[in-house]
Amino acid sequence: MIRILVADDHPVVCLGLRHLLNGQPDSTVVGEAADGRDALTQIANLRPDVLLLGLHMPNLPGLDTRRELADCIRTVVPGGYRLRGRAVTNLVTELETLVRSQRDAPVSRVQLTPREMEVVRQVVIGGTNRDIATQLGITEDTVKRHLTHVFDKTGVSSRLDLALFALKHLGLAVV
């Protein structure tokens, strides 16, 4: 199955592409983004096989998004790392800096359901949505819904931020 992310600021275009592509036996639209920044977030979270990208979008237009993706590919293919939109040479040092900055941020008591905690545990150990769905015996859509609720409750916006939050504030550890 070919997993496709559609990124365009025109909802009608997204709807039409979703309808067309989901009608094919070998493809599915796994997400939609309304601008370039949202597309980059969706790529990190959903890991699509194909990105259909509009060229004239707000908040990081398509051509700029393609440049950022190309830079990302050039960095990670030979074994490098990118974190928060930039290349990093020492991942451990960068993660320590992120943990320190999270430690200084005020946190209200977060109440997650037991299932949400299971999903968070799987994120911390690096599970993809597909991995989590298989491990917990639920659908990928259910995993996405749980992650949306967890992101809302914790105030984080990426899987990396969620993992750091969980390590610091929820008492989870990498096994």
N, C-alpha and C. Protein backbone atom coordinates (compact mmCIF):
# COMPACT_ATOMS: atom_id res chain seq x y z
N MET A 1 0.85 -1.18 0.00
CA MET A 1 0.00 0.00 0.00
C MET A 1 0.89 1.25 0.00
N ILE A 2 0.64 2.15 -0.91
CA ILE A 2 1.40 3.41 -1.00
C ILE A 2 0.72 4.43 -0.09
N ARG A 3 1.48 4.94 0.88
CA ARG A 3 0.96 5.91 1.86
C ARG A 3 1.28 7.32 1.36
N ILE A 4 0.24 8.13 1.19
CA ILE A 4 0.38 9.45 0.56
C ILE A 4 -0.05 10.55 1.52
N LEU A 5 0.74 11.63 1.57
CA LEU A 5 0.37 12.84 2.30
C LEU A 5 0.08 13.92 1.27
N VAL A 6 -1.07 14.56 1.38
CA VAL A 6 -1.47 15.63 0.47
C VAL A 6 -1.31 16.96 1.21
N ALA A 7 -0.57 17.89 0.61
CA ALA A 7 -0.36 19.20 1.23
C ALA A 7 -0.77 20.28 0.23
N ASP A 8 -1.84 20.96 0.54
CA ASP A 8 -2.31 22.07 -0.29
C ASP A 8 -3.22 22.95 0.56
N ASP A 9 -3.18 24.26 0.31
CA ASP A 9 -3.99 25.17 1.12
C ASP A 9 -5.42 25.29 0.62
N HIS A 10 -5.76 24.57 -0.43
CA HIS A 10 -7.13 24.58 -0.95
C HIS A 10 -7.83 23.29 -0.53
N PRO A 11 -8.78 23.35 0.41
CA PRO A 11 -9.45 22.15 0.89
C PRO A 11 -10.11 21.32 -0.21
N VAL A 12 -10.62 21.98 -1.23
CA VAL A 12 -11.27 21.26 -2.33
C VAL A 12 -10.25 20.39 -3.07
N VAL A 13 -9.04 20.91 -3.26
CA VAL A 13 -7.99 20.14 -3.92
C VAL A 13 -7.65 18.91 -3.07
N CYS A 14 -7.50 19.11 -1.78
CA CYS A 14 -7.19 18.00 -0.88
C CYS A 14 -8.29 16.95 -0.91
N LEU A 15 -9.53 17.41 -0.85
CA LEU A 15 -10.67 16.49 -0.88
C LEU A 15 -10.70 15.69 -2.18
N GLY A 16 -10.50 16.37 -3.30
CA GLY A 16 -10.50 15.69 -4.59
C GLY A 16 -9.39 14.67 -4.71
N LEU A 17 -8.19 15.05 -4.26
CA LEU A 17 -7.07 14.11 -4.33
C LEU A 17 -7.30 12.92 -3.40
N ARG A 18 -7.82 13.19 -2.20
CA ARG A 18 -8.11 12.10 -1.26
C ARG A 18 -9.09 11.12 -1.90
N HIS A 19 -10.15 11.64 -2.49
CA HIS A 19 -11.17 10.79 -3.11
C HIS A 19 -10.57 9.98 -4.27
N LEU A 20 -9.80 10.64 -5.11
CA LEU A 20 -9.18 9.97 -6.25
C LEU A 20 -8.20 8.89 -5.81
N LEU A 21 -7.32 9.23 -4.90
CA LEU A 21 -6.26 8.30 -4.50
C LEU A 21 -6.76 7.17 -3.62
N ASN A 22 -7.71 7.46 -2.73
CA ASN A 22 -8.26 6.39 -1.89
C ASN A 22 -9.08 5.41 -2.71
N GLY A 23 -9.47 5.81 -3.92
CA GLY A 23 -10.21 4.92 -4.81
C GLY A 23 -9.31 3.92 -5.52
N GLN A 24 -8.01 4.09 -5.39
CA GLN A 24 -7.06 3.17 -6.02
C GLN A 24 -6.78 2.01 -5.07
N PRO A 25 -6.62 0.80 -5.60
CA PRO A 25 -6.44 -0.36 -4.73
C PRO A 25 -5.09 -0.41 -4.01
N ASP A 26 -4.11 0.35 -4.52
CA ASP A 26 -2.77 0.25 -3.94
C ASP A 26 -2.30 1.53 -3.24
N SER A 27 -3.23 2.46 -2.95
CA SER A 27 -2.81 3.70 -2.30
C SER A 27 -3.84 4.16 -1.28
N THR A 28 -3.35 4.92 -0.31
CA THR A 28 -4.22 5.53 0.69
C THR A 28 -3.64 6.87 1.12
N VAL A 29 -4.50 7.85 1.30
CA VAL A 29 -4.07 9.15 1.79
C VAL A 29 -4.05 9.06 3.32
N VAL A 30 -2.86 9.17 3.90
CA VAL A 30 -2.71 9.03 5.34
C VAL A 30 -2.84 10.35 6.08
N GLY A 31 -2.81 11.46 5.35
CA GLY A 31 -2.95 12.76 6.01
C GLY A 31 -3.01 13.89 5.01
N GLU A 32 -3.41 15.06 5.53
CA GLU A 32 -3.48 16.27 4.74
C GLU A 32 -2.87 17.41 5.53
N ALA A 33 -2.23 18.32 4.83
CA ALA A 33 -1.63 19.49 5.47
C ALA A 33 -2.05 20.73 4.70
N ALA A 34 -2.29 21.83 5.42
CA ALA A 34 -2.75 23.06 4.79
C ALA A 34 -1.62 24.03 4.45
N ASP A 35 -0.42 23.77 4.96
CA ASP A 35 0.72 24.63 4.64
C ASP A 35 2.01 23.83 4.79
N GLY A 36 3.12 24.45 4.43
CA GLY A 36 4.41 23.77 4.44
C GLY A 36 4.87 23.31 5.80
N ARG A 37 4.68 24.13 6.81
CA ARG A 37 5.10 23.74 8.16
C ARG A 37 4.30 22.53 8.65
N ASP A 38 2.99 22.57 8.42
CA ASP A 38 2.15 21.44 8.80
C ASP A 38 2.57 20.19 8.02
N ALA A 39 2.95 20.36 6.77
CA ALA A 39 3.40 19.21 5.96
C ALA A 39 4.64 18.57 6.58
N LEU A 40 5.59 19.39 7.02
CA LEU A 40 6.80 18.85 7.64
C LEU A 40 6.47 18.09 8.93
N THR A 41 5.54 18.62 9.72
CA THR A 41 5.12 17.94 10.95
C THR A 41 4.45 16.62 10.60
N GLN A 42 3.55 16.65 9.61
CA GLN A 42 2.84 15.43 9.21
C GLN A 42 3.82 14.38 8.67
N ILE A 43 4.83 14.82 7.93
CA ILE A 43 5.82 13.88 7.41
C ILE A 43 6.52 13.17 8.56
N ALA A 44 6.91 13.94 9.58
CA ALA A 44 7.59 13.34 10.73
C ALA A 44 6.68 12.37 11.48
N ASN A 45 5.41 12.71 11.61
CA ASN A 45 4.48 11.88 12.38
C ASN A 45 3.95 10.68 11.60
N LEU A 46 3.65 10.89 10.32
CA LEU A 46 2.97 9.85 9.54
C LEU A 46 3.90 9.02 8.66
N ARG A 47 5.06 9.54 8.34
CA ARG A 47 6.04 8.86 7.50
C ARG A 47 5.43 8.32 6.20
N PRO A 48 4.88 9.23 5.37
CA PRO A 48 4.29 8.78 4.12
C PRO A 48 5.36 8.32 3.13
N ASP A 49 4.92 7.54 2.14
CA ASP A 49 5.83 7.13 1.06
C ASP A 49 5.94 8.23 0.01
N VAL A 50 4.85 8.99 -0.17
CA VAL A 50 4.78 10.02 -1.20
C VAL A 50 4.17 11.29 -0.60
N LEU A 51 4.73 12.43 -1.00
CA LEU A 51 4.19 13.73 -0.60
C LEU A 51 3.73 14.46 -1.85
N LEU A 52 2.43 14.77 -1.95
CA LEU A 52 1.90 15.62 -3.01
C LEU A 52 1.82 17.02 -2.43
N LEU A 53 2.58 17.94 -2.99
CA LEU A 53 2.79 19.23 -2.36
C LEU A 53 2.42 20.38 -3.28
N GLY A 54 1.47 21.23 -2.84
CA GLY A 54 1.13 22.44 -3.57
C GLY A 54 2.29 23.42 -3.53
N LEU A 55 2.46 24.19 -4.59
CA LEU A 55 3.61 25.08 -4.67
C LEU A 55 3.40 26.42 -4.00
N HIS A 56 2.17 26.90 -3.91
CA HIS A 56 1.92 28.24 -3.39
C HIS A 56 1.04 28.15 -2.15
N MET A 57 1.67 27.83 -1.01
CA MET A 57 0.95 27.70 0.26
C MET A 57 1.50 28.71 1.26
N PRO A 58 0.69 29.07 2.25
CA PRO A 58 1.20 29.93 3.32
C PRO A 58 2.12 29.14 4.25
N ASN A 59 2.85 29.86 5.10
CA ASN A 59 3.71 29.23 6.11
C ASN A 59 4.62 28.18 5.51
N LEU A 60 5.60 28.61 4.81
CA LEU A 60 6.58 27.75 4.15
C LEU A 60 5.99 27.16 2.88
N PRO A 61 6.03 27.92 1.80
CA PRO A 61 5.47 27.46 0.52
C PRO A 61 6.12 26.16 0.04
N GLY A 62 5.45 25.52 -0.89
CA GLY A 62 5.89 24.22 -1.37
C GLY A 62 7.34 24.16 -1.81
N LEU A 63 7.79 25.16 -2.57
CA LEU A 63 9.17 25.13 -3.03
C LEU A 63 10.15 25.22 -1.87
N ASP A 64 9.84 26.03 -0.87
CA ASP A 64 10.71 26.12 0.32
C ASP A 64 10.67 24.81 1.10
N THR A 65 9.48 24.18 1.18
CA THR A 65 9.35 22.90 1.87
C THR A 65 10.18 21.85 1.15
N ARG A 66 10.16 21.86 -0.23
CA ARG A 66 10.98 20.88 -0.98
C ARG A 66 12.44 21.08 -0.68
N ARG A 67 12.91 22.40 -0.57
CA ARG A 67 14.31 22.67 -0.24
C ARG A 67 14.65 22.11 1.13
N GLU A 68 13.76 22.31 2.13
CA GLU A 68 14.03 21.81 3.47
C GLU A 68 14.07 20.28 3.49
N LEU A 69 13.16 19.67 2.75
CA LEU A 69 13.17 18.20 2.66
C LEU A 69 14.46 17.71 2.01
N ALA A 70 14.90 18.38 0.96
CA ALA A 70 16.14 17.98 0.30
C ALA A 70 17.33 18.10 1.25
N ASP A 71 17.39 19.20 2.00
CA ASP A 71 18.46 19.36 3.00
C ASP A 71 18.40 18.24 4.04
N CYS A 72 17.20 17.90 4.45
CA CYS A 72 17.01 16.84 5.44
C CYS A 72 17.53 15.51 4.89
N ILE A 73 17.17 15.21 3.67
CA ILE A 73 17.59 13.95 3.05
C ILE A 73 19.12 13.90 2.95
N ARG A 74 19.72 15.01 2.52
CA ARG A 74 21.19 15.06 2.40
C ARG A 74 21.87 14.85 3.75
N THR A 75 21.22 15.24 4.82
CA THR A 75 21.81 15.09 6.14
C THR A 75 21.66 13.67 6.68
N VAL A 76 20.46 13.10 6.56
CA VAL A 76 20.20 11.82 7.23
C VAL A 76 20.64 10.59 6.43
N VAL A 77 20.68 10.66 5.11
CA VAL A 77 21.06 9.48 4.33
C VAL A 77 22.47 9.00 4.67
N PRO A 78 23.46 9.88 4.79
CA PRO A 78 24.79 9.37 5.16
C PRO A 78 24.94 9.09 6.67
N GLY A 79 23.84 9.19 7.43
CA GLY A 79 23.92 8.84 8.86
C GLY A 79 23.87 10.02 9.80
N GLY A 80 23.65 11.22 9.30
CA GLY A 80 23.56 12.40 10.16
C GLY A 80 22.20 12.51 10.83
N TYR A 81 22.02 13.55 11.60
CA TYR A 81 20.78 13.77 12.33
C TYR A 81 20.25 15.17 12.07
N ARG A 82 18.92 15.28 12.07
CA ARG A 82 18.25 16.58 12.02
C ARG A 82 17.28 16.63 13.17
N LEU A 83 17.24 17.76 13.81
CA LEU A 83 16.37 17.92 14.95
C LEU A 83 15.82 19.34 14.92
N ARG A 84 14.49 19.44 14.93
CA ARG A 84 13.83 20.74 14.91
C ARG A 84 14.29 21.62 13.76
N GLY A 85 14.38 21.00 12.57
CA GLY A 85 14.65 21.76 11.36
C GLY A 85 16.10 22.11 11.10
N ARG A 86 17.04 21.51 11.82
CA ARG A 86 18.44 21.82 11.54
C ARG A 86 19.31 20.59 11.76
N ALA A 87 20.44 20.56 11.07
CA ALA A 87 21.38 19.46 11.22
C ALA A 87 22.07 19.58 12.59
N VAL A 88 22.27 18.44 13.24
CA VAL A 88 23.00 18.42 14.52
C VAL A 88 24.14 17.43 14.39
N THR A 89 25.27 17.79 14.96
CA THR A 89 26.44 16.91 14.87
C THR A 89 26.51 15.94 16.03
N ASN A 90 26.03 16.36 17.20
CA ASN A 90 26.08 15.48 18.37
C ASN A 90 24.67 15.34 18.93
N LEU A 91 24.01 14.25 18.59
CA LEU A 91 22.62 14.04 18.98
C LEU A 91 22.46 13.99 20.50
N VAL A 92 23.38 13.34 21.19
CA VAL A 92 23.27 13.22 22.65
C VAL A 92 23.31 14.59 23.30
N THR A 93 24.25 15.42 22.90
CA THR A 93 24.34 16.77 23.46
C THR A 93 23.07 17.57 23.18
N GLU A 94 22.56 17.44 21.96
CA GLU A 94 21.35 18.17 21.58
C GLU A 94 20.15 17.71 22.42
N LEU A 95 20.01 16.40 22.62
CA LEU A 95 18.91 15.88 23.44
C LEU A 95 19.05 16.33 24.88
N GLU A 96 20.26 16.34 25.41
CA GLU A 96 20.47 16.82 26.78
C GLU A 96 20.04 18.27 26.91
N THR A 97 20.36 19.09 25.92
CA THR A 97 19.94 20.50 25.92
C THR A 97 18.43 20.60 25.90
N LEU A 98 17.77 19.79 25.07
CA LEU A 98 16.31 19.80 25.02
C LEU A 98 15.70 19.37 26.34
N VAL A 99 16.25 18.33 26.96
CA VAL A 99 15.73 17.88 28.25
C VAL A 99 15.89 18.97 29.29
N ARG A 100 17.05 19.65 29.30
CA ARG A 100 17.27 20.75 30.25
C ARG A 100 16.24 21.85 30.05
N SER A 101 15.96 22.20 28.79
CA SER A 101 15.01 23.27 28.53
C SER A 101 13.60 22.86 28.94
N GLN A 102 13.26 21.58 28.76
CA GLN A 102 11.94 21.08 29.18
C GLN A 102 11.84 21.07 30.70
N ARG A 103 12.94 20.78 31.36
CA ARG A 103 12.95 20.71 32.82
C ARG A 103 12.62 22.07 33.42
N ASP A 104 13.05 23.14 32.73
CA ASP A 104 12.82 24.49 33.24
C ASP A 104 11.41 25.00 32.95
N ALA A 105 10.70 24.34 32.05
CA ALA A 105 9.36 24.79 31.68
C ALA A 105 8.34 24.36 32.74
N PRO A 106 7.39 25.26 33.10
CA PRO A 106 6.38 24.88 34.06
C PRO A 106 5.43 23.84 33.46
N VAL A 107 5.04 22.87 34.29
CA VAL A 107 4.17 21.79 33.83
C VAL A 107 3.02 21.62 34.79
N SER A 108 1.82 21.60 34.22
CA SER A 108 0.67 21.29 35.05
C SER A 108 0.52 19.78 35.07
N ARG A 109 -0.19 19.28 36.05
CA ARG A 109 -0.39 17.83 36.17
C ARG A 109 -1.20 17.32 34.97
N VAL A 110 -0.65 16.40 34.23
CA VAL A 110 -1.29 15.86 33.04
C VAL A 110 -1.98 14.56 33.41
N GLN A 111 -3.24 14.43 33.02
CA GLN A 111 -4.01 13.22 33.28
C GLN A 111 -4.22 12.47 31.97
N LEU A 112 -3.48 11.39 31.77
CA LEU A 112 -3.64 10.57 30.59
C LEU A 112 -4.37 9.29 30.95
N THR A 113 -5.16 8.79 30.02
CA THR A 113 -5.84 7.52 30.24
C THR A 113 -4.81 6.40 30.18
N PRO A 114 -5.14 5.23 30.70
CA PRO A 114 -4.19 4.11 30.61
C PRO A 114 -3.79 3.80 29.16
N ARG A 115 -4.73 3.85 28.24
CA ARG A 115 -4.42 3.57 26.84
C ARG A 115 -3.50 4.65 26.27
N GLU A 116 -3.75 5.91 26.61
CA GLU A 116 -2.87 6.98 26.15
C GLU A 116 -1.46 6.78 26.67
N MET A 117 -1.34 6.32 27.92
CA MET A 117 -0.01 6.04 28.48
C MET A 117 0.68 4.91 27.72
N GLU A 118 -0.09 3.89 27.32
CA GLU A 118 0.49 2.80 26.53
C GLU A 118 1.03 3.32 25.20
N VAL A 119 0.26 4.20 24.57
CA VAL A 119 0.69 4.79 23.30
C VAL A 119 1.95 5.62 23.51
N VAL A 120 1.97 6.42 24.57
CA VAL A 120 3.16 7.24 24.87
C VAL A 120 4.38 6.35 25.10
N ARG A 121 4.22 5.26 25.84
CA ARG A 121 5.34 4.33 26.06
C ARG A 121 5.91 3.84 24.73
N GLN A 122 5.03 3.52 23.81
CA GLN A 122 5.48 3.04 22.50
C GLN A 122 6.20 4.14 21.72
N VAL A 123 5.75 5.39 21.85
CA VAL A 123 6.43 6.51 21.20
C VAL A 123 7.83 6.68 21.78
N VAL A 124 7.94 6.56 23.09
CA VAL A 124 9.24 6.74 23.76
C VAL A 124 10.26 5.72 23.25
N ILE A 125 9.81 4.49 22.96
CA ILE A 125 10.77 3.49 22.48
C ILE A 125 10.92 3.52 20.96
N GLY A 126 10.30 4.52 20.32
CA GLY A 126 10.52 4.74 18.89
C GLY A 126 9.53 4.07 17.96
N GLY A 127 8.38 3.63 18.49
CA GLY A 127 7.39 2.97 17.66
C GLY A 127 6.71 3.92 16.68
N THR A 128 6.50 3.45 15.47
CA THR A 128 5.73 4.20 14.48
C THR A 128 4.25 3.98 14.78
N ASN A 129 3.39 4.74 14.12
CA ASN A 129 1.95 4.53 14.32
C ASN A 129 1.57 3.09 13.98
N ARG A 130 2.15 2.56 12.92
CA ARG A 130 1.86 1.18 12.52
C ARG A 130 2.34 0.20 13.59
N ASP A 131 3.56 0.42 14.12
CA ASP A 131 4.09 -0.44 15.18
C ASP A 131 3.18 -0.42 16.40
N ILE A 132 2.77 0.78 16.78
CA ILE A 132 1.93 0.94 17.98
C ILE A 132 0.59 0.24 17.78
N ALA A 133 0.01 0.43 16.60
CA ALA A 133 -1.28 -0.22 16.30
C ALA A 133 -1.16 -1.74 16.41
N THR A 134 -0.11 -2.28 15.85
CA THR A 134 0.10 -3.73 15.91
C THR A 134 0.32 -4.19 17.34
N GLN A 135 1.17 -3.49 18.06
CA GLN A 135 1.50 -3.86 19.44
C GLN A 135 0.27 -3.82 20.36
N LEU A 136 -0.59 -2.83 20.16
CA LEU A 136 -1.74 -2.66 21.05
C LEU A 136 -3.03 -3.25 20.49
N GLY A 137 -2.98 -3.79 19.29
CA GLY A 137 -4.17 -4.41 18.70
C GLY A 137 -5.27 -3.41 18.36
N ILE A 138 -4.85 -2.22 17.89
CA ILE A 138 -5.80 -1.19 17.50
C ILE A 138 -5.44 -0.71 16.10
N THR A 139 -6.28 0.14 15.51
CA THR A 139 -6.00 0.65 14.17
C THR A 139 -5.05 1.84 14.24
N GLU A 140 -4.42 2.14 13.10
CA GLU A 140 -3.55 3.31 13.04
C GLU A 140 -4.35 4.59 13.27
N ASP A 141 -5.60 4.63 12.80
CA ASP A 141 -6.44 5.81 13.04
C ASP A 141 -6.67 6.01 14.53
N THR A 142 -6.86 4.92 15.27
CA THR A 142 -7.04 5.02 16.72
C THR A 142 -5.76 5.53 17.38
N VAL A 143 -4.62 5.06 16.91
CA VAL A 143 -3.34 5.55 17.43
C VAL A 143 -3.24 7.06 17.21
N LYS A 144 -3.60 7.51 16.01
CA LYS A 144 -3.53 8.94 15.69
C LYS A 144 -4.45 9.74 16.60
N ARG A 145 -5.64 9.21 16.85
CA ARG A 145 -6.58 9.91 17.75
C ARG A 145 -6.00 10.02 19.16
N HIS A 146 -5.42 8.91 19.65
CA HIS A 146 -4.79 8.95 20.98
C HIS A 146 -3.66 9.98 21.01
N LEU A 147 -2.84 9.99 19.97
CA LEU A 147 -1.73 10.95 19.93
C LEU A 147 -2.23 12.38 19.89
N THR A 148 -3.30 12.64 19.15
CA THR A 148 -3.87 13.98 19.11
C THR A 148 -4.30 14.41 20.51
N HIS A 149 -4.98 13.51 21.23
CA HIS A 149 -5.42 13.83 22.60
C HIS A 149 -4.21 14.06 23.52
N VAL A 150 -3.20 13.21 23.38
CA VAL A 150 -2.00 13.36 24.22
C VAL A 150 -1.29 14.67 23.91
N PHE A 151 -1.15 15.02 22.62
CA PHE A 151 -0.52 16.28 22.26
C PHE A 151 -1.30 17.45 22.87
N ASP A 152 -2.63 17.39 22.81
CA ASP A 152 -3.45 18.46 23.38
C ASP A 152 -3.26 18.55 24.90
N LYS A 153 -3.25 17.41 25.57
CA LYS A 153 -3.13 17.40 27.03
C LYS A 153 -1.76 17.83 27.52
N THR A 154 -0.72 17.47 26.78
CA THR A 154 0.63 17.78 27.22
C THR A 154 1.16 19.10 26.68
N GLY A 155 0.52 19.60 25.61
CA GLY A 155 0.97 20.86 25.02
C GLY A 155 2.19 20.72 24.13
N VAL A 156 2.55 19.50 23.76
CA VAL A 156 3.68 19.30 22.86
C VAL A 156 3.16 19.18 21.43
N SER A 157 4.07 19.30 20.46
CA SER A 157 3.60 19.29 19.08
C SER A 157 4.34 18.30 18.19
N SER A 158 5.22 17.50 18.75
CA SER A 158 5.92 16.51 17.93
C SER A 158 6.18 15.26 18.77
N ARG A 159 6.49 14.18 18.09
CA ARG A 159 6.78 12.92 18.78
C ARG A 159 8.03 13.05 19.64
N LEU A 160 9.03 13.77 19.14
CA LEU A 160 10.25 13.97 19.92
C LEU A 160 9.94 14.73 21.20
N ASP A 161 9.19 15.82 21.08
CA ASP A 161 8.82 16.59 22.26
C ASP A 161 8.01 15.73 23.23
N LEU A 162 7.13 14.88 22.69
CA LEU A 162 6.33 13.99 23.55
C LEU A 162 7.24 13.01 24.28
N ALA A 163 8.21 12.43 23.58
CA ALA A 163 9.12 11.49 24.23
C ALA A 163 9.92 12.18 25.33
N LEU A 164 10.41 13.38 25.05
CA LEU A 164 11.15 14.12 26.08
C LEU A 164 10.26 14.46 27.27
N PHE A 165 9.03 14.88 26.99
CA PHE A 165 8.06 15.19 28.04
C PHE A 165 7.81 13.96 28.90
N ALA A 166 7.61 12.82 28.25
CA ALA A 166 7.32 11.58 28.97
C ALA A 166 8.49 11.15 29.84
N LEU A 167 9.70 11.28 29.31
CA LEU A 167 10.88 10.91 30.09
C LEU A 167 11.02 11.79 31.33
N LYS A 168 10.72 13.07 31.17
CA LYS A 168 10.90 14.02 32.28
C LYS A 168 9.73 14.03 33.25
N HIS A 169 8.49 14.07 32.72
CA HIS A 169 7.34 14.35 33.56
C HIS A 169 6.42 13.18 33.84
N LEU A 170 6.53 12.11 33.06
CA LEU A 170 5.63 10.99 33.27
C LEU A 170 6.34 9.78 33.85
N GLY A 171 7.62 9.90 34.11
CA GLY A 171 8.35 8.82 34.73
C GLY A 171 8.60 7.63 33.82
N LEU A 172 8.50 7.82 32.51
CA LEU A 172 8.77 6.73 31.58
C LEU A 172 10.26 6.70 31.27
N ALA A 173 10.74 5.53 30.92
CA ALA A 173 12.15 5.38 30.58
C ALA A 173 12.26 4.54 29.32
N VAL A 174 13.35 4.75 28.59
CA VAL A 174 13.61 3.95 27.40
C VAL A 174 14.11 2.59 27.86
N VAL A 175 13.48 1.54 27.33
CA VAL A 175 13.85 0.19 27.73
C VAL A 175 14.74 -0.44 26.68
